[in-house]
Amino acid sequence: MKTFKQFNEGLKTAIGVTAALATPYLMKKFAKPKTDKMLDRGRKELNIGGDKRSGNTEFKQGVKAIKDAKKKGGLMNQSTRDALKMLDN
């Protein structure tokens, strides 16, 4: 038969193992929603990165500027002309 001291040591070990196994579930349950809200707020409110950074927008603006220059008869090198031909197709 186990002594009371041995029983307490086994109980402490069982509680520790259970807590270690339950930690990921509890973090996902309670910390994830708060973290997701902070990340979303940061994407919307910060001036750098997040929703304001988009390569597609800058690319479209650059293409528009090149096409405007072409319409106005601006000077273009051969690579710019080739790029416009590719974009027109």
C-alpha atoms as a PDB file:
ATOM      1  CA  MET A   1       0.000   0.000   0.000  1.00  0.00           C
ATOM      2  CA  LYS A   2       1.257   3.497  -0.852  1.00  0.00           C
ATOM      3  CA  THR A   3       2.037   5.947   1.823  1.00  0.00           C
ATOM      4  CA  PHE A   4       0.426   9.364   1.914  1.00  0.00           C
ATOM      5  CA  LYS A   5       3.684  11.011   0.759  1.00  0.00           C
ATOM      6  CA  GLN A   6       3.966   8.705  -2.260  1.00  0.00           C
ATOM      7  CA  PHE A   7       0.328   9.357  -3.107  1.00  0.00           C
ATOM      8  CA  ASN A   8       0.887  13.146  -3.014  1.00  0.00           C
ATOM      9  CA  GLU A   9       3.943  12.859  -5.256  1.00  0.00           C
ATOM     10  CA  GLY A  10       1.960  10.826  -7.778  1.00  0.00           C
ATOM     11  CA  LEU A  11      -0.909  13.273  -7.607  1.00  0.00           C
ATOM     12  CA  LYS A  12       1.416  16.250  -8.222  1.00  0.00           C
ATOM     13  CA  THR A  13       2.932  14.478 -11.216  1.00  0.00           C
ATOM     14  CA  ALA A  14      -0.513  13.675 -12.644  1.00  0.00           C
ATOM     15  CA  ILE A  15      -1.658  17.274 -12.204  1.00  0.00           C
ATOM     16  CA  GLY A  16       1.523  18.562 -13.858  1.00  0.00           C
ATOM     17  CA  VAL A  17       1.188  16.242 -16.849  1.00  0.00           C
ATOM     18  CA  THR A  18      -2.493  17.123 -17.236  1.00  0.00           C
ATOM     19  CA  ALA A  19      -1.732  20.844 -17.105  1.00  0.00           C
ATOM     20  CA  ALA A  20       1.037  20.455 -19.690  1.00  0.00           C
ATOM     21  CA  LEU A  21      -1.281  18.566 -22.025  1.00  0.00           C
ATOM     22  CA  ALA A  22      -4.179  21.003 -21.523  1.00  0.00           C
ATOM     23  CA  THR A  23      -2.128  24.170 -22.143  1.00  0.00           C
ATOM     24  CA  PRO A  24      -2.314  24.167 -25.970  1.00  0.00           C
ATOM     25  CA  TYR A  25      -6.087  23.664 -25.889  1.00  0.00           C
ATOM     26  CA  LEU A  26      -6.585  26.424 -23.338  1.00  0.00           C
ATOM     27  CA  MET A  27      -4.337  28.841 -25.226  1.00  0.00           C
ATOM     28  CA  LYS A  28      -6.264  28.203 -28.427  1.00  0.00           C
ATOM     29  CA  LYS A  29      -9.572  28.604 -26.612  1.00  0.00           C
ATOM     30  CA  PHE A  30      -8.816  31.833 -24.740  1.00  0.00           C
ATOM     31  CA  ALA A  31      -5.771  33.576 -26.224  1.00  0.00           C
ATOM     32  CA  LYS A  32      -6.390  33.033 -29.944  1.00  0.00           C
ATOM     33  CA  PRO A  33      -9.507  35.241 -30.269  1.00  0.00           C
ATOM     34  CA  LYS A  34      -7.784  38.138 -28.499  1.00  0.00           C
ATOM     35  CA  THR A  35      -4.651  37.727 -30.591  1.00  0.00           C
ATOM     36  CA  ASP A  36      -6.667  37.574 -33.814  1.00  0.00           C
ATOM     37  CA  LYS A  37      -8.486  40.789 -32.879  1.00  0.00           C
ATOM     38  CA  MET A  38      -5.180  42.544 -32.172  1.00  0.00           C
ATOM     39  CA  LEU A  39      -3.733  41.406 -35.504  1.00  0.00           C
ATOM     40  CA  ASP A  40      -6.810  42.558 -37.436  1.00  0.00           C
ATOM     41  CA  ARG A  41      -6.789  45.920 -35.694  1.00  0.00           C
ATOM     42  CA  GLY A  42      -3.089  46.314 -36.461  1.00  0.00           C
ATOM     43  CA  ARG A  43      -3.635  45.520 -40.130  1.00  0.00           C
ATOM     44  CA  LYS A  44      -6.344  48.163 -40.400  1.00  0.00           C
ATOM     45  CA  GLU A  45      -4.828  50.952 -38.310  1.00  0.00           C
ATOM     46  CA  LEU A  46      -1.074  50.873 -38.875  1.00  0.00           C
ATOM     47  CA  ASN A  47       0.432  53.026 -41.601  1.00  0.00           C
ATOM     48  CA  ILE A  48       3.067  50.478 -42.583  1.00  0.00           C
ATOM     49  CA  GLY A  49       2.087  47.109 -43.982  1.00  0.00           C
ATOM     50  CA  GLY A  50      -1.170  45.338 -43.344  1.00  0.00           C
ATOM     51  CA  ASP A  51      -4.073  46.232 -45.609  1.00  0.00           C
ATOM     52  CA  LYS A  52      -2.282  49.270 -47.018  1.00  0.00           C
ATOM     53  CA  ARG A  53       0.565  47.263 -48.588  1.00  0.00           C
ATOM     54  CA  SER A  54      -0.345  45.671 -51.873  1.00  0.00           C
ATOM     55  CA  GLY A  55       1.923  44.931 -54.776  1.00  0.00           C
ATOM     56  CA  ASN A  56      -1.017  44.749 -57.152  1.00  0.00           C
ATOM     57  CA  THR A  57      -2.029  48.373 -56.582  1.00  0.00           C
ATOM     58  CA  GLU A  58       1.466  49.689 -57.210  1.00  0.00           C
ATOM     59  CA  PHE A  59       1.824  47.538 -60.319  1.00  0.00           C
ATOM     60  CA  LYS A  60      -1.453  48.836 -61.764  1.00  0.00           C
ATOM     61  CA  GLN A  61      -0.446  52.413 -61.051  1.00  0.00           C
ATOM     62  CA  GLY A  62       2.885  51.859 -62.796  1.00  0.00           C
ATOM     63  CA  VAL A  63       1.192  50.304 -65.819  1.00  0.00           C
ATOM     64  CA  LYS A  64      -1.242  53.208 -65.964  1.00  0.00           C
ATOM     65  CA  ALA A  65       1.630  55.703 -65.854  1.00  0.00           C
ATOM     66  CA  ILE A  66       3.419  53.910 -68.692  1.00  0.00           C
ATOM     67  CA  LYS A  67       0.274  53.834 -70.820  1.00  0.00           C
ATOM     68  CA  ASP A  68      -0.356  57.541 -70.146  1.00  0.00           C
ATOM     69  CA  ALA A  69       3.207  58.330 -71.187  1.00  0.00           C
ATOM     70  CA  LYS A  70       2.702  56.338 -74.367  1.00  0.00           C
ATOM     71  CA  LYS A  71      -0.494  58.262 -75.204  1.00  0.00           C
ATOM     72  CA  LYS A  72       1.220  61.583 -74.618  1.00  0.00           C
ATOM     73  CA  GLY A  73       4.113  60.616 -76.888  1.00  0.00           C
ATOM     74  CA  GLY A  74       6.681  60.429 -74.103  1.00  0.00           C
ATOM     75  CA  LEU A  75      10.095  58.915 -74.560  1.00  0.00           C
ATOM     76  CA  MET A  76      10.279  55.189 -73.918  1.00  0.00           C
ATOM     77  CA  ASN A  77      13.082  52.707 -74.235  1.00  0.00           C
ATOM     78  CA  GLN A  78      12.761  49.351 -75.968  1.00  0.00           C
ATOM     79  CA  SER A  79      12.074  47.363 -72.786  1.00  0.00           C
ATOM     80  CA  THR A  80       9.139  49.646 -71.930  1.00  0.00           C
ATOM     81  CA  ARG A  81       7.709  49.189 -75.431  1.00  0.00           C
ATOM     82  CA  ASP A  82       8.084  45.408 -75.097  1.00  0.00           C
ATOM     83  CA  ALA A  83       6.350  45.484 -71.705  1.00  0.00           C
ATOM     84  CA  LEU A  84       3.444  47.451 -73.176  1.00  0.00           C
ATOM     85  CA  LYS A  85       3.099  44.976 -76.029  1.00  0.00           C
ATOM     86  CA  MET A  86       2.925  42.130 -73.519  1.00  0.00           C
ATOM     87  CA  LEU A  87       0.316  43.952 -71.439  1.00  0.00           C
ATOM     88  CA  ASP A  88      -1.827  44.783 -74.465  1.00  0.00           C
ATOM     89  CA  ASN A  89      -1.987  41.099 -75.489  1.00  0.00           C
END
